[in-house]
N, C-alpha and C. Protein backbone atom coordinates (compact mmCIF):
# COMPACT_ATOMS: atom_id res chain seq x y z
N MET A 1 12.39 6.44 26.58
CA MET A 1 12.73 7.83 26.77
C MET A 1 14.21 8.05 26.49
N CYS A 2 14.50 9.19 25.95
CA CYS A 2 15.88 9.52 25.63
C CYS A 2 16.38 10.58 26.61
N TYR A 3 17.62 10.47 26.96
CA TYR A 3 18.24 11.47 27.82
C TYR A 3 19.34 12.13 27.01
N HIS A 4 19.21 13.43 26.82
CA HIS A 4 20.19 14.17 26.03
C HIS A 4 20.53 15.45 26.77
N LYS A 5 21.75 15.58 27.19
CA LYS A 5 22.25 16.75 27.90
C LYS A 5 21.40 17.08 29.11
N GLY A 6 20.99 16.03 29.83
CA GLY A 6 20.27 16.24 31.07
C GLY A 6 18.79 16.51 30.91
N LYS A 7 18.29 16.56 29.69
CA LYS A 7 16.86 16.82 29.47
C LYS A 7 16.18 15.54 29.04
N GLU A 8 15.03 15.29 29.61
CA GLU A 8 14.28 14.10 29.27
C GLU A 8 13.37 14.41 28.09
N VAL A 9 13.44 13.57 27.07
CA VAL A 9 12.64 13.80 25.87
C VAL A 9 11.74 12.60 25.66
N ASP A 10 10.48 12.85 25.55
CA ASP A 10 9.53 11.77 25.29
C ASP A 10 9.21 11.79 23.80
N ALA A 11 9.63 10.76 23.08
CA ALA A 11 9.48 10.72 21.63
C ALA A 11 8.02 10.71 21.21
N MET A 12 7.15 10.09 22.02
CA MET A 12 5.74 10.01 21.64
C MET A 12 5.07 11.39 21.66
N GLU A 13 5.50 12.25 22.56
CA GLU A 13 4.91 13.59 22.63
C GLU A 13 5.38 14.46 21.47
N MET A 14 6.54 14.16 20.93
CA MET A 14 7.09 14.97 19.85
C MET A 14 6.40 14.68 18.51
N GLU A 15 5.86 13.47 18.35
CA GLU A 15 5.22 13.10 17.09
C GLU A 15 3.84 13.72 17.01
N GLN A 16 3.49 14.15 15.82
CA GLN A 16 2.15 14.65 15.58
C GLN A 16 1.31 13.52 15.03
N LYS A 17 0.23 13.22 15.71
CA LYS A 17 -0.63 12.13 15.27
C LYS A 17 -1.66 12.69 14.28
N PRO A 18 -1.80 12.05 13.11
CA PRO A 18 -2.78 12.54 12.13
C PRO A 18 -4.20 12.30 12.63
N ASN A 19 -5.07 13.20 12.25
CA ASN A 19 -6.48 13.08 12.61
C ASN A 19 -7.13 12.11 11.64
N LEU A 20 -7.77 11.07 12.15
CA LEU A 20 -8.36 10.04 11.30
C LEU A 20 -9.51 10.59 10.45
N GLU A 21 -10.23 11.56 10.96
CA GLU A 21 -11.34 12.13 10.19
C GLU A 21 -10.82 12.85 8.95
N GLU A 22 -9.68 13.53 9.07
CA GLU A 22 -9.10 14.21 7.92
C GLU A 22 -8.62 13.21 6.88
N GLU A 23 -8.08 12.08 7.33
CA GLU A 23 -7.61 11.05 6.40
C GLU A 23 -8.76 10.48 5.59
N GLN A 24 -9.89 10.26 6.22
CA GLN A 24 -11.03 9.67 5.53
C GLN A 24 -11.64 10.64 4.54
N GLU A 25 -11.60 11.91 4.80
CA GLU A 25 -12.17 12.90 3.90
C GLU A 25 -11.34 13.06 2.63
N ARG A 26 -10.03 12.79 2.69
CA ARG A 26 -9.17 12.98 1.53
C ARG A 26 -9.13 11.77 0.61
N TYR A 27 -9.75 10.66 0.98
CA TYR A 27 -9.70 9.45 0.15
C TYR A 27 -10.47 9.67 -1.15
N VAL A 28 -9.82 9.34 -2.26
CA VAL A 28 -10.46 9.42 -3.57
C VAL A 28 -10.29 8.05 -4.23
N PRO A 29 -11.40 7.40 -4.60
CA PRO A 29 -11.27 6.08 -5.23
C PRO A 29 -10.60 6.19 -6.59
N ARG A 30 -9.96 5.09 -7.00
CA ARG A 30 -9.28 5.07 -8.30
C ARG A 30 -10.31 5.13 -9.43
N PRO A 31 -9.91 5.71 -10.56
CA PRO A 31 -10.81 5.73 -11.72
C PRO A 31 -11.12 4.32 -12.21
N TRP A 32 -12.28 4.15 -12.85
CA TRP A 32 -12.73 2.83 -13.30
C TRP A 32 -11.75 2.22 -14.28
N TRP A 33 -11.11 3.03 -15.12
CA TRP A 33 -10.22 2.48 -16.14
C TRP A 33 -8.96 1.90 -15.51
N GLN A 34 -8.51 2.44 -14.39
CA GLN A 34 -7.35 1.87 -13.71
C GLN A 34 -7.70 0.54 -13.06
N VAL A 35 -8.88 0.45 -12.47
CA VAL A 35 -9.32 -0.78 -11.82
C VAL A 35 -9.47 -1.89 -12.85
N TRP A 36 -10.18 -1.60 -13.95
CA TRP A 36 -10.40 -2.63 -14.97
C TRP A 36 -9.12 -2.95 -15.73
N GLY A 37 -8.23 -1.98 -15.90
CA GLY A 37 -6.94 -2.25 -16.53
C GLY A 37 -6.11 -3.20 -15.68
N ALA A 38 -6.13 -3.00 -14.36
CA ALA A 38 -5.39 -3.90 -13.48
C ALA A 38 -5.98 -5.30 -13.51
N ARG A 39 -7.30 -5.40 -13.56
CA ARG A 39 -7.95 -6.71 -13.62
C ARG A 39 -7.60 -7.42 -14.93
N LEU A 40 -7.61 -6.68 -16.03
CA LEU A 40 -7.29 -7.26 -17.33
C LEU A 40 -5.84 -7.75 -17.37
N LEU A 41 -4.92 -6.93 -16.87
CA LEU A 41 -3.52 -7.34 -16.86
C LEU A 41 -3.29 -8.53 -15.94
N LEU A 42 -4.00 -8.61 -14.84
CA LEU A 42 -3.89 -9.77 -13.96
C LEU A 42 -4.37 -11.02 -14.67
N ALA A 43 -5.48 -10.92 -15.40
CA ALA A 43 -5.99 -12.07 -16.13
C ALA A 43 -4.99 -12.52 -17.20
N VAL A 44 -4.41 -11.57 -17.93
CA VAL A 44 -3.42 -11.91 -18.96
C VAL A 44 -2.21 -12.58 -18.33
N PHE A 45 -1.75 -12.04 -17.21
CA PHE A 45 -0.61 -12.62 -16.52
C PHE A 45 -0.89 -14.05 -16.09
N LEU A 46 -2.06 -14.30 -15.51
CA LEU A 46 -2.40 -15.65 -15.05
C LEU A 46 -2.52 -16.63 -16.21
N ILE A 47 -3.05 -16.17 -17.34
CA ILE A 47 -3.15 -17.04 -18.52
C ILE A 47 -1.75 -17.38 -19.04
N LEU A 48 -0.89 -16.38 -19.14
CA LEU A 48 0.47 -16.63 -19.60
C LEU A 48 1.24 -17.52 -18.62
N LEU A 49 1.01 -17.36 -17.34
CA LEU A 49 1.66 -18.21 -16.35
C LEU A 49 1.19 -19.65 -16.48
N ALA A 50 -0.10 -19.85 -16.72
CA ALA A 50 -0.63 -21.20 -16.90
C ALA A 50 -0.04 -21.84 -18.15
N ILE A 51 0.09 -21.07 -19.22
CA ILE A 51 0.69 -21.59 -20.46
C ILE A 51 2.15 -21.96 -20.22
N TYR A 52 2.87 -21.12 -19.51
CA TYR A 52 4.28 -21.40 -19.20
C TYR A 52 4.42 -22.69 -18.42
N TYR A 53 3.65 -22.82 -17.34
CA TYR A 53 3.73 -24.04 -16.54
C TYR A 53 3.26 -25.26 -17.33
N GLY A 54 2.28 -25.09 -18.17
CA GLY A 54 1.82 -26.19 -19.00
C GLY A 54 2.89 -26.70 -19.95
N ARG A 55 3.64 -25.79 -20.52
CA ARG A 55 4.71 -26.19 -21.45
C ARG A 55 5.91 -26.77 -20.72
N MET A 56 6.15 -26.29 -19.49
CA MET A 56 7.32 -26.76 -18.76
C MET A 56 7.12 -28.15 -18.17
N PHE A 57 5.92 -28.46 -17.70
CA PHE A 57 5.70 -29.68 -16.95
C PHE A 57 4.85 -30.73 -17.68
N LEU A 58 4.32 -30.40 -18.83
CA LEU A 58 3.51 -31.39 -19.56
C LEU A 58 4.22 -31.89 -20.79
């Protein structure tokens, strides 16, 4: 609790808590092309990383 000019302020009461039901209703899944693009780039990165380590240590 904070004391400011003689008044007691409870920080938890001042915050507005979001409603969980509203949060769940606003969720929109990512488009398929973003998901598959991320998977493809991850695969390319892992292949390039394996090649790099292969050249450095072999």
